[in-house]
Amino acid sequence: MEPLTIAIIMVVVLLLLIFARMPIALGMGLVGAAGYIALASPYALMAYFNTAWVDKFMSYELAIVPLFILMGHLATRSGISAAIFAASNAWIGHLRGGLAMASVAGCAMFGSISGSSLATASTMARVALPEMRKHGYSGALASGSLAAGGTLGILIPPSVVLIIYALLTEQNIVKLFLAATIPGILAVIGFCIAIAVYVRLYPNEGPTHEPASFGQRLKALKDIWHVVLIFVIVLGGIYGGFFTPAEGASVGVILMLVAGLLTKGLNGRAILDCLIDTAGSTAMIFAIVFGADIFNVALALSRMPTEVADYFSAAHVSPMLVLMGIIVFYLVMGCLMDSLSMILLTVPVFFPTIMALDFGLMPEQQAMWFGIISLVVVEMGLITPPVGMNLFVISSMAKDIPTSQIFRGTTPFIIAEFFRIAILVSFPVLSFWLVDLVAN
């Protein structure tokens, strides 16, 4: 059987296993191992296993993942989400739809120290959802704003998925963090505009309330000074070259631990729970990473990624048309798979294809641009029915809100995301302008 045929069979079988709800790590590992044997031999697969475990998981860069996950769990357990939401609420909560906007702003701030969309959505929902319901916000707007705001955890640095993309494509993690900054800000602005338009059309779904006094606003800012300080030290230190991303993650863990102890948000039991949760999350991510590695090595043996890239280069198809096809694929698959699995499964095939096409950009710029677009589209899948993961996180915490209302509530934000994708595709410079500015 031709290697390319084997590769196509592998992809089809994997998709069928995913639709059958097999764990993605196991599915990629089994299909990859079978493909490896078909393309090489059982002995070659055993030889791969002899070295792959060490080569993959002794990577210094991969140590960043559990460190940032631990930082996020410490932030969640220390209770800073309440202070973050209170500060956002004090400044903009009195506006029509302001509590929903404050939830989005709170998600952005919490995401900057969490790096996880699901953790951001669930943590902020515990604080913001009761407050919005108490002030008469509709279930659709309350749940939709939190589900959409939660997606910011995947893009706003530090992002675990962005780190994995950097490792897969051999890109600079610091530059990718910088590249994600402007698209992340665009997301916050776009979501707030979506809320403003929504409450203008449906005024009763996001009523106003009494504004906080200036003294209350200052007090709310004082309550989150440590969050701002940690953000500035960690990301400022990484961007400024004072320490590597792994060192920055370590510093972030220590600072978050100290802040949690000083504010009495953490105790011995909470810290132990954070360590256990981090171990579980890291094991899950590393299992997916290793399963994807087996699958992608087998695809590489079949030369499928190279064949696909060469085909589009020789066919003289419009590069933008190819990019649009990839975006549509991501939108469809994003409804069925989690973001990390999507990136691990598709980037080894799509990245060489994109890099072989001429978009009029430097190779590094093109790699950053594609990475940001991929993350934005995958992020959109988290709030796209029928199986957007953030939707189910919010649904599990808001049992009084029908699922149909939650789906309806995400519609304005999905529209806003389409506009953001169009802007990022039309103006690639937004994905690397900040990187070029810092470099110069």
Protein backbone atom coordinates (compact mmCIF):
# COMPACT_ATOMS: atom_id res chain seq x y z
CA MET A 1 0.00 0.00 0.00
CA GLU A 2 1.25 3.50 -0.86
CA PRO A 3 2.51 5.56 2.12
CA LEU A 4 0.12 8.41 1.26
CA THR A 5 -2.83 6.00 1.25
CA ILE A 6 -1.81 4.71 4.67
CA ALA A 7 -1.64 8.30 5.94
CA ILE A 8 -5.15 9.06 4.64
CA ILE A 9 -6.49 5.90 6.29
CA MET A 10 -4.81 6.95 9.56
CA VAL A 11 -6.51 10.35 9.48
CA VAL A 12 -9.94 8.87 8.66
CA VAL A 13 -9.68 6.20 11.39
CA LEU A 14 -8.58 8.80 13.94
CA LEU A 15 -11.53 11.05 13.12
CA LEU A 16 -13.90 8.10 13.47
CA LEU A 17 -12.41 7.27 16.89
CA ILE A 18 -12.79 10.91 17.94
CA PHE A 19 -16.45 10.90 16.88
CA ALA A 20 -16.84 7.70 18.91
CA ARG A 21 -15.56 9.71 21.94
CA MET A 22 -12.35 7.72 22.44
CA PRO A 23 -9.84 9.74 24.52
CA ILE A 24 -7.78 11.74 22.03
CA ALA A 25 -4.41 10.72 23.52
CA LEU A 26 -5.26 7.02 23.22
CA GLY A 27 -6.72 7.44 19.72
CA MET A 28 -3.68 9.26 18.33
CA GLY A 29 -1.29 6.84 20.05
CA LEU A 30 -2.99 3.68 18.75
CA VAL A 31 -3.51 4.95 15.20
CA GLY A 32 0.01 6.38 15.11
CA ALA A 33 1.56 3.12 16.33
CA ALA A 34 -0.40 1.08 13.75
CA GLY A 35 0.62 3.49 11.00
CA TYR A 36 4.26 3.39 12.13
CA ILE A 37 4.26 -0.41 11.90
CA ALA A 38 2.62 -0.33 8.46
CA LEU A 39 5.09 2.26 7.15
CA ALA A 40 8.23 0.85 8.82
CA SER A 41 8.18 -2.24 11.07
CA PRO A 42 7.38 -3.31 14.64
CA TYR A 43 11.09 -3.19 15.43
CA ALA A 44 11.30 0.43 14.23
CA LEU A 45 8.39 1.31 16.52
CA MET A 46 10.16 -0.34 19.48
CA ALA A 47 13.33 1.58 18.66
CA TYR A 48 11.28 4.80 18.60
CA PHE A 49 9.78 4.01 22.01
CA ASN A 50 13.26 3.38 23.45
CA THR A 51 14.27 7.01 22.97
CA ALA A 52 11.08 8.99 22.42
CA TRP A 53 9.99 9.13 26.06
CA VAL A 54 13.27 10.69 27.14
CA ASP A 55 13.69 12.94 24.09
CA LYS A 56 10.17 14.32 24.38
CA PHE A 57 9.74 14.83 28.11
CA MET A 58 13.27 15.86 29.06
CA SER A 59 12.72 19.03 27.03
CA TYR A 60 13.56 22.12 29.11
CA GLU A 61 10.91 24.17 27.29
CA LEU A 62 8.19 21.65 28.13
CA ALA A 63 8.78 22.33 31.84
CA ILE A 64 7.01 25.65 31.30
CA VAL A 65 3.66 23.85 30.96
CA PRO A 66 3.28 22.40 34.50
CA LEU A 67 4.69 25.59 36.03
CA PHE A 68 2.12 27.84 34.38
CA ILE A 69 -0.62 25.30 35.16
CA LEU A 70 0.40 25.36 38.83
CA MET A 71 0.40 29.17 38.76
CA GLY A 72 -3.14 29.09 37.40
CA HIS A 73 -4.35 26.62 40.05
CA LEU A 74 -2.80 28.73 42.82
CA ALA A 75 -4.53 31.80 41.39
CA THR A 76 -7.84 29.94 41.32
CA ARG A 77 -7.54 28.65 44.89
CA SER A 78 -6.32 31.96 46.34
CA GLY A 79 -9.64 33.64 45.52
CA ILE A 80 -8.26 36.53 43.51
CA SER A 81 -11.03 36.10 40.93
CA ALA A 82 -13.45 37.86 43.31
CA ALA A 83 -11.11 40.82 43.71
CA ILE A 84 -10.55 41.01 39.93
CA PHE A 85 -14.28 41.03 39.21
CA ALA A 86 -14.94 43.57 41.98
CA ALA A 87 -12.37 45.95 40.49
CA SER A 88 -13.83 45.61 36.99
CA ASN A 89 -17.34 46.02 38.35
CA ALA A 90 -16.43 49.13 40.33
CA TRP A 91 -15.23 50.95 37.21
CA ILE A 92 -17.61 49.82 34.45
CA GLY A 93 -20.31 47.71 36.13
CA HIS A 94 -22.82 50.59 36.34
CA LEU A 95 -23.08 50.90 32.55
CA ARG A 96 -25.86 49.17 30.65
CA GLY A 97 -24.45 45.68 30.18
CA GLY A 98 -21.54 46.78 32.37
CA LEU A 99 -21.51 43.68 34.57
CA ALA A 100 -21.13 41.53 31.45
CA MET A 101 -18.30 43.81 30.28
CA ALA A 102 -16.74 43.59 33.75
CA SER A 103 -16.93 39.79 33.47
CA VAL A 104 -15.06 39.91 30.15
CA ALA A 105 -12.44 42.27 31.60
CA GLY A 106 -12.13 40.05 34.66
CA CYS A 107 -11.66 36.98 32.46
CA ALA A 108 -8.91 38.80 30.54
CA MET A 109 -7.07 39.68 33.76
CA PHE A 110 -7.50 36.24 35.27
CA GLY A 111 -6.50 34.61 31.96
CA SER A 112 -3.24 36.55 32.06
CA ILE A 113 -2.17 34.55 35.11
CA SER A 114 -4.06 31.31 34.41
CA GLY A 115 -3.38 30.34 30.78
CA SER A 116 -6.41 28.03 30.67
CA SER A 117 -9.77 28.81 29.07
CA LEU A 118 -11.73 26.25 31.07
CA ALA A 119 -10.21 27.41 34.38
CA THR A 120 -10.90 31.04 33.49
CA ALA A 121 -14.53 30.37 32.57
CA SER A 122 -15.31 28.23 35.63
CA THR A 123 -13.48 30.44 38.14
CA MET A 124 -14.97 33.73 36.98
CA ALA A 125 -18.44 32.18 36.66
CA ARG A 126 -18.47 31.37 40.38
CA VAL A 127 -18.04 35.06 41.17
CA ALA A 128 -19.72 36.93 38.32
CA LEU A 129 -22.74 34.76 37.52
CA PRO A 130 -24.56 35.26 40.87
CA GLU A 131 -23.85 39.00 40.71
CA MET A 132 -25.29 39.38 37.20
CA ARG A 133 -28.36 37.32 38.06
CA LYS A 134 -28.92 39.39 41.21
CA HIS A 135 -28.94 42.60 39.15
CA GLY A 136 -31.50 41.26 36.68
CA TYR A 137 -29.27 40.17 33.80
CA SER A 138 -30.79 37.61 31.46
CA GLY A 139 -29.46 34.07 31.56
CA ALA A 140 -28.40 34.38 27.92
CA LEU A 141 -26.24 37.49 28.40
CA ALA A 142 -24.79 36.36 31.73
CA SER A 143 -23.78 32.89 30.53
CA GLY A 144 -22.74 34.01 27.04
CA SER A 145 -20.38 36.72 28.31
CA LEU A 146 -18.69 34.31 30.73
CA ALA A 147 -18.34 31.52 28.15
CA ALA A 148 -16.84 33.98 25.65
CA GLY A 149 -14.66 35.70 28.25
CA GLY A 150 -13.29 32.33 29.29
CA THR A 151 -11.82 31.79 25.82
CA LEU A 152 -9.37 34.62 26.51
CA GLY A 153 -7.35 32.25 28.71
CA ILE A 154 -6.11 30.38 25.64
CA LEU A 155 -4.72 33.46 23.88
CA ILE A 156 -3.69 36.09 26.42
CA PRO A 157 -0.15 35.20 27.59
CA PRO A 158 0.85 32.99 29.28
CA SER A 159 -1.05 30.42 27.23
CA VAL A 160 -0.34 26.69 27.49
CA VAL A 161 -1.64 26.06 23.96
CA LEU A 162 0.57 28.86 22.61
CA ILE A 163 3.58 27.23 24.28
CA ILE A 164 2.74 23.89 22.64
CA TYR A 165 2.40 25.61 19.24
CA ALA A 166 5.83 27.22 19.73
CA LEU A 167 7.40 23.84 20.55
CA LEU A 168 5.72 22.11 17.57
CA THR A 169 6.84 24.76 15.08
CA GLU A 170 10.19 25.60 16.72
CA GLN A 171 9.22 29.24 17.21
CA ASN A 172 10.34 31.63 19.93
CA ILE A 173 7.91 31.44 22.87
CA VAL A 174 8.58 35.02 23.98
CA LYS A 175 7.85 36.39 20.50
CA LEU A 176 4.63 34.38 20.29
CA PHE A 177 3.53 35.77 23.67
CA LEU A 178 4.12 39.28 22.32
CA ALA A 179 2.35 38.43 19.06
CA ALA A 180 -0.76 37.33 20.97
CA THR A 181 -1.07 40.60 22.91
CA ILE A 182 -2.79 42.78 20.28
CA PRO A 183 -5.19 40.00 19.12
CA GLY A 184 -6.05 39.44 22.80
CA ILE A 185 -6.82 43.14 23.27
CA LEU A 186 -8.93 43.05 20.10
CA ALA A 187 -10.93 40.18 21.60
CA VAL A 188 -11.72 42.15 24.76
CA ILE A 189 -12.75 45.21 22.73
CA GLY A 190 -14.81 43.08 20.32
CA PHE A 191 -16.64 41.30 23.15
CA CYS A 192 -17.44 44.60 24.89
CA ILE A 193 -18.76 46.07 21.62
CA ALA A 194 -20.89 42.93 21.14
CA ILE A 195 -22.36 43.43 24.64
CA ALA A 196 -23.01 47.13 23.99
CA VAL A 197 -24.86 46.36 20.76
CA TYR A 198 -26.80 43.50 22.37
CA VAL A 199 -28.08 45.57 25.31
CA ARG A 200 -29.03 48.39 22.95
CA LEU A 201 -31.23 45.92 21.06
CA TYR A 202 -32.47 44.21 24.25
CA PRO A 203 -32.21 46.85 27.06
CA ASN A 204 -33.94 44.72 29.70
CA GLU A 205 -31.34 41.94 29.47
CA GLY A 206 -28.50 44.08 30.86
CA PRO A 207 -29.92 46.79 33.16
CA THR A 208 -27.91 49.54 34.82
CA HIS A 209 -27.30 49.91 38.56
CA GLU A 210 -25.91 52.54 40.91
CA PRO A 211 -22.26 53.44 40.18
CA ALA A 212 -19.56 52.92 42.80
CA SER A 213 -18.03 55.95 44.48
CA PHE A 214 -14.52 57.09 43.60
CA GLY A 215 -13.30 55.82 46.97
CA GLN A 216 -14.79 52.39 46.32
CA ARG A 217 -13.08 52.30 42.93
CA LEU A 218 -9.70 53.09 44.45
CA LYS A 219 -10.20 50.45 47.14
CA ALA A 220 -11.08 47.87 44.47
CA LEU A 221 -7.82 48.67 42.66
CA LYS A 222 -5.86 48.30 45.90
CA ASP A 223 -7.29 44.81 46.32
CA ILE A 224 -5.74 43.62 43.05
CA TRP A 225 -2.33 45.30 43.27
CA HIS A 226 -0.62 41.93 43.76
CA VAL A 227 -2.25 40.55 40.59
CA VAL A 228 -0.96 43.48 38.54
CA LEU A 229 2.47 43.18 40.14
CA ILE A 230 2.74 39.46 39.35
CA PHE A 231 1.62 40.05 35.76
CA VAL A 232 4.17 42.85 35.26
CA ILE A 233 7.05 40.95 36.89
CA VAL A 234 6.43 37.66 35.08
CA LEU A 235 5.62 38.87 31.57
CA GLY A 236 7.72 42.04 31.85
CA GLY A 237 10.68 39.95 32.97
CA ILE A 238 10.21 37.51 30.10
CA TYR A 239 9.76 40.24 27.47
CA GLY A 240 12.64 42.25 28.90
CA GLY A 241 14.98 39.27 28.73
CA PHE A 242 15.61 39.19 32.47
CA PHE A 243 14.68 35.52 32.57
CA THR A 244 13.57 32.74 30.23
CA PRO A 245 9.92 31.67 29.99
CA ALA A 246 10.62 28.68 32.26
CA GLU A 247 12.30 30.93 34.83
CA GLY A 248 9.44 33.41 34.51
CA ALA A 249 6.93 30.65 35.17
CA SER A 250 8.89 29.61 38.28
CA VAL A 251 8.93 33.20 39.52
CA GLY A 252 5.20 33.44 38.87
CA VAL A 253 4.51 30.32 40.94
CA ILE A 254 6.53 31.64 43.90
CA LEU A 255 4.91 35.11 43.73
CA MET A 256 1.40 33.64 43.46
CA LEU A 257 2.12 31.34 46.41
CA VAL A 258 3.37 34.25 48.54
CA ALA A 259 0.41 36.45 47.53
CA GLY A 260 -2.05 33.66 48.36
CA LEU A 261 -0.51 33.11 51.79
CA LEU A 262 -0.37 36.83 52.60
CA THR A 263 -4.02 37.36 51.63
CA LYS A 264 -4.96 34.17 53.52
CA GLY A 265 -6.45 32.74 50.35
CA LEU A 266 -4.19 29.70 50.53
CA ASN A 267 -3.51 27.19 53.27
CA GLY A 268 -1.70 23.86 53.43
CA ARG A 269 -4.67 21.85 52.18
CA ALA A 270 -5.32 24.25 49.28
CA ILE A 271 -1.66 24.12 48.21
CA LEU A 272 -1.71 20.32 48.29
CA ASP A 273 -4.89 20.32 46.17
CA CYS A 274 -3.18 22.67 43.70
CA LEU A 275 -0.23 20.30 43.39
CA ILE A 276 -2.53 17.29 42.87
CA ASP A 277 -4.64 19.16 40.28
CA THR A 278 -1.48 20.29 38.49
CA ALA A 279 -0.17 16.73 38.37
CA GLY A 280 -3.46 15.52 36.89
CA SER A 281 -3.66 18.32 34.30
CA THR A 282 0.00 17.89 33.33
CA ALA A 283 -0.37 14.11 32.97
CA MET A 284 -3.37 14.61 30.68
CA ILE A 285 -1.56 17.19 28.54
CA PHE A 286 1.63 15.14 28.32
CA ALA A 287 -0.37 12.04 27.36
CA ILE A 288 -1.93 14.02 24.50
CA VAL A 289 1.49 15.40 23.53
CA PHE A 290 3.02 11.91 23.40
CA GLY A 291 0.07 10.41 21.53
CA ALA A 292 0.27 13.24 19.01
CA ASP A 293 4.02 12.72 18.67
CA ILE A 294 3.53 9.05 17.68
CA PHE A 295 0.82 10.01 15.21
CA ASN A 296 2.82 12.88 13.70
CA VAL A 297 6.01 10.82 13.36
CA ALA A 298 4.01 8.22 11.43
CA LEU A 299 2.58 10.97 9.20
CA ALA A 300 6.10 12.26 8.62
CA LEU A 301 7.19 8.77 7.53
CA SER A 302 4.38 8.79 4.96
CA ARG A 303 5.57 12.24 3.74
CA MET A 304 1.97 13.40 3.84
CA PRO A 305 2.73 16.91 5.23
CA THR A 306 5.40 17.43 2.56
CA GLU A 307 3.15 16.07 -0.20
CA VAL A 308 0.31 18.39 0.83
CA ALA A 309 2.62 21.40 0.95
CA ASP A 310 4.16 20.54 -2.43
CA TYR A 311 0.72 20.02 -4.00
CA PHE A 312 -0.57 23.46 -3.06
CA SER A 313 2.73 25.09 -4.06
CA ALA A 314 2.63 23.47 -7.51
CA ALA A 315 -1.11 23.92 -8.06
CA HIS A 316 -0.85 27.72 -7.96
CA VAL A 317 -3.92 27.90 -5.72
CA SER A 318 -4.42 31.30 -4.09
CA PRO A 319 -2.64 31.24 -0.71
CA MET A 320 -5.59 33.07 0.84
CA LEU A 321 -7.97 30.39 -0.46
CA VAL A 322 -5.89 27.68 1.20
CA LEU A 323 -5.90 29.67 4.46
CA MET A 324 -9.70 30.07 4.23
CA GLY A 325 -10.05 26.29 3.79
CA ILE A 326 -7.93 25.66 6.90
CA ILE A 327 -9.98 28.18 8.89
CA VAL A 328 -13.25 26.48 7.85
CA PHE A 329 -11.79 23.09 8.86
CA TYR A 330 -10.81 24.51 12.26
CA LEU A 331 -14.28 26.00 12.76
CA VAL A 332 -15.95 22.65 12.08
CA MET A 333 -13.53 20.49 14.09
CA GLY A 334 -13.38 23.05 16.90
CA CYS A 335 -16.97 22.12 17.72
CA LEU A 336 -15.89 18.53 18.37
CA MET A 337 -12.38 18.64 19.86
CA ASP A 338 -10.53 20.53 22.59
CA SER A 339 -8.06 23.24 21.62
CA LEU A 340 -4.84 21.43 22.59
CA SER A 341 -5.75 18.27 20.66
CA MET A 342 -6.67 20.36 17.61
CA ILE A 343 -3.32 22.12 17.60
CA LEU A 344 -1.32 18.93 18.15
CA LEU A 345 -3.22 17.05 15.46
CA THR A 346 -3.34 19.66 12.70
CA VAL A 347 -0.30 21.92 13.00
CA PRO A 348 2.22 19.28 11.77
CA VAL A 349 0.20 19.05 8.53
CA PHE A 350 -1.06 22.62 8.09
CA PHE A 351 2.09 24.47 9.20
CA PRO A 352 4.36 23.17 6.38
CA THR A 353 1.54 23.89 3.91
CA ILE A 354 1.19 27.51 5.03
CA MET A 355 4.96 28.05 5.17
CA ALA A 356 5.27 26.78 1.56
CA LEU A 357 2.88 29.48 0.32
CA ASP A 358 3.73 33.11 -0.44
CA PHE A 359 1.78 35.61 1.65
CA GLY A 360 4.41 38.34 1.17
CA LEU A 361 5.73 37.91 4.73
CA MET A 362 9.03 36.90 6.27
CA PRO A 363 9.05 33.22 7.41
CA GLU A 364 9.03 34.11 11.12
CA GLN A 365 6.23 36.63 10.62
CA GLN A 366 4.19 34.10 8.67
CA ALA A 367 4.68 31.47 11.40
CA MET A 368 3.50 33.87 14.10
CA TRP A 369 0.55 35.08 12.01
CA PHE A 370 -0.65 31.53 11.31
CA GLY A 371 -0.21 30.57 14.96
CA ILE A 372 -2.36 33.46 16.17
CA ILE A 373 -5.07 32.80 13.58
CA SER A 374 -5.10 29.10 14.49
CA LEU A 375 -5.52 29.88 18.18
CA VAL A 376 -8.27 32.44 17.55
CA VAL A 377 -10.26 30.01 15.41
CA VAL A 378 -9.73 27.11 17.82
CA GLU A 379 -10.71 29.45 20.66
CA MET A 380 -13.95 30.16 18.82
CA GLY A 381 -14.73 26.45 18.87
CA LEU A 382 -14.92 26.61 22.68
CA ILE A 383 -18.16 28.62 22.44
CA THR A 384 -19.61 27.12 19.26
CA PRO A 385 -22.59 24.75 19.65
CA PRO A 386 -23.22 21.88 19.87
CA VAL A 387 -20.23 20.81 21.98
CA GLY A 388 -18.24 23.95 22.77
CA MET A 389 -16.46 23.02 26.00
CA ASN A 390 -16.92 26.43 27.67
CA LEU A 391 -20.67 26.15 27.09
CA PHE A 392 -20.81 22.98 29.15
CA VAL A 393 -18.63 24.46 31.88
CA ILE A 394 -21.06 27.37 32.27
CA SER A 395 -24.08 25.07 31.92
CA SER A 396 -22.85 22.88 34.78
CA MET A 397 -22.55 25.96 37.02
CA ALA A 398 -25.79 27.69 35.93
CA LYS A 399 -28.32 24.91 36.21
CA ASP A 400 -31.22 27.40 36.24
CA ILE A 401 -30.32 28.64 32.73
CA PRO A 402 -31.57 26.42 29.87
CA THR A 403 -28.92 25.22 27.44
CA SER A 404 -30.80 26.91 24.58
CA GLN A 405 -30.38 30.27 26.34
CA ILE A 406 -26.66 29.68 26.79
CA PHE A 407 -26.33 28.88 23.07
CA ARG A 408 -28.29 32.05 22.21
CA GLY A 409 -26.13 34.10 24.55
CA THR A 410 -22.94 33.21 22.69
CA THR A 411 -24.28 34.36 19.29
CA PRO A 412 -23.14 38.03 19.60
CA PHE A 413 -19.67 36.87 20.64
CA ILE A 414 -19.38 34.38 17.77
CA ILE A 415 -20.24 37.24 15.39
CA ALA A 416 -17.58 39.39 17.07
CA GLU A 417 -15.07 36.55 16.63
CA PHE A 418 -15.80 36.37 12.89
CA PHE A 419 -14.99 40.08 12.64
CA ARG A 420 -11.74 39.56 14.58
CA ILE A 421 -10.69 36.69 12.33
CA ALA A 422 -11.40 38.85 9.27
CA ILE A 423 -9.30 41.70 10.72
CA LEU A 424 -6.36 39.42 11.58
CA VAL A 425 -6.45 37.75 8.15
CA SER A 426 -6.70 41.08 6.34
CA PHE A 427 -4.03 42.81 8.43
CA PRO A 428 -1.30 40.26 9.28
CA VAL A 429 0.86 43.03 10.75
CA LEU A 430 -1.35 43.03 13.86
CA SER A 431 0.11 39.63 14.75
CA PHE A 432 3.77 40.66 14.67
CA TRP A 433 3.90 44.47 14.86
CA LEU A 434 4.60 44.42 18.59
CA VAL A 435 7.34 41.82 18.10
CA ASP A 436 9.04 43.99 15.47
CA LEU A 437 8.63 47.08 17.68
CA VAL A 438 10.32 45.43 20.68
CA ALA A 439 13.05 43.94 18.47
CA ASN A 440 13.90 47.38 17.12
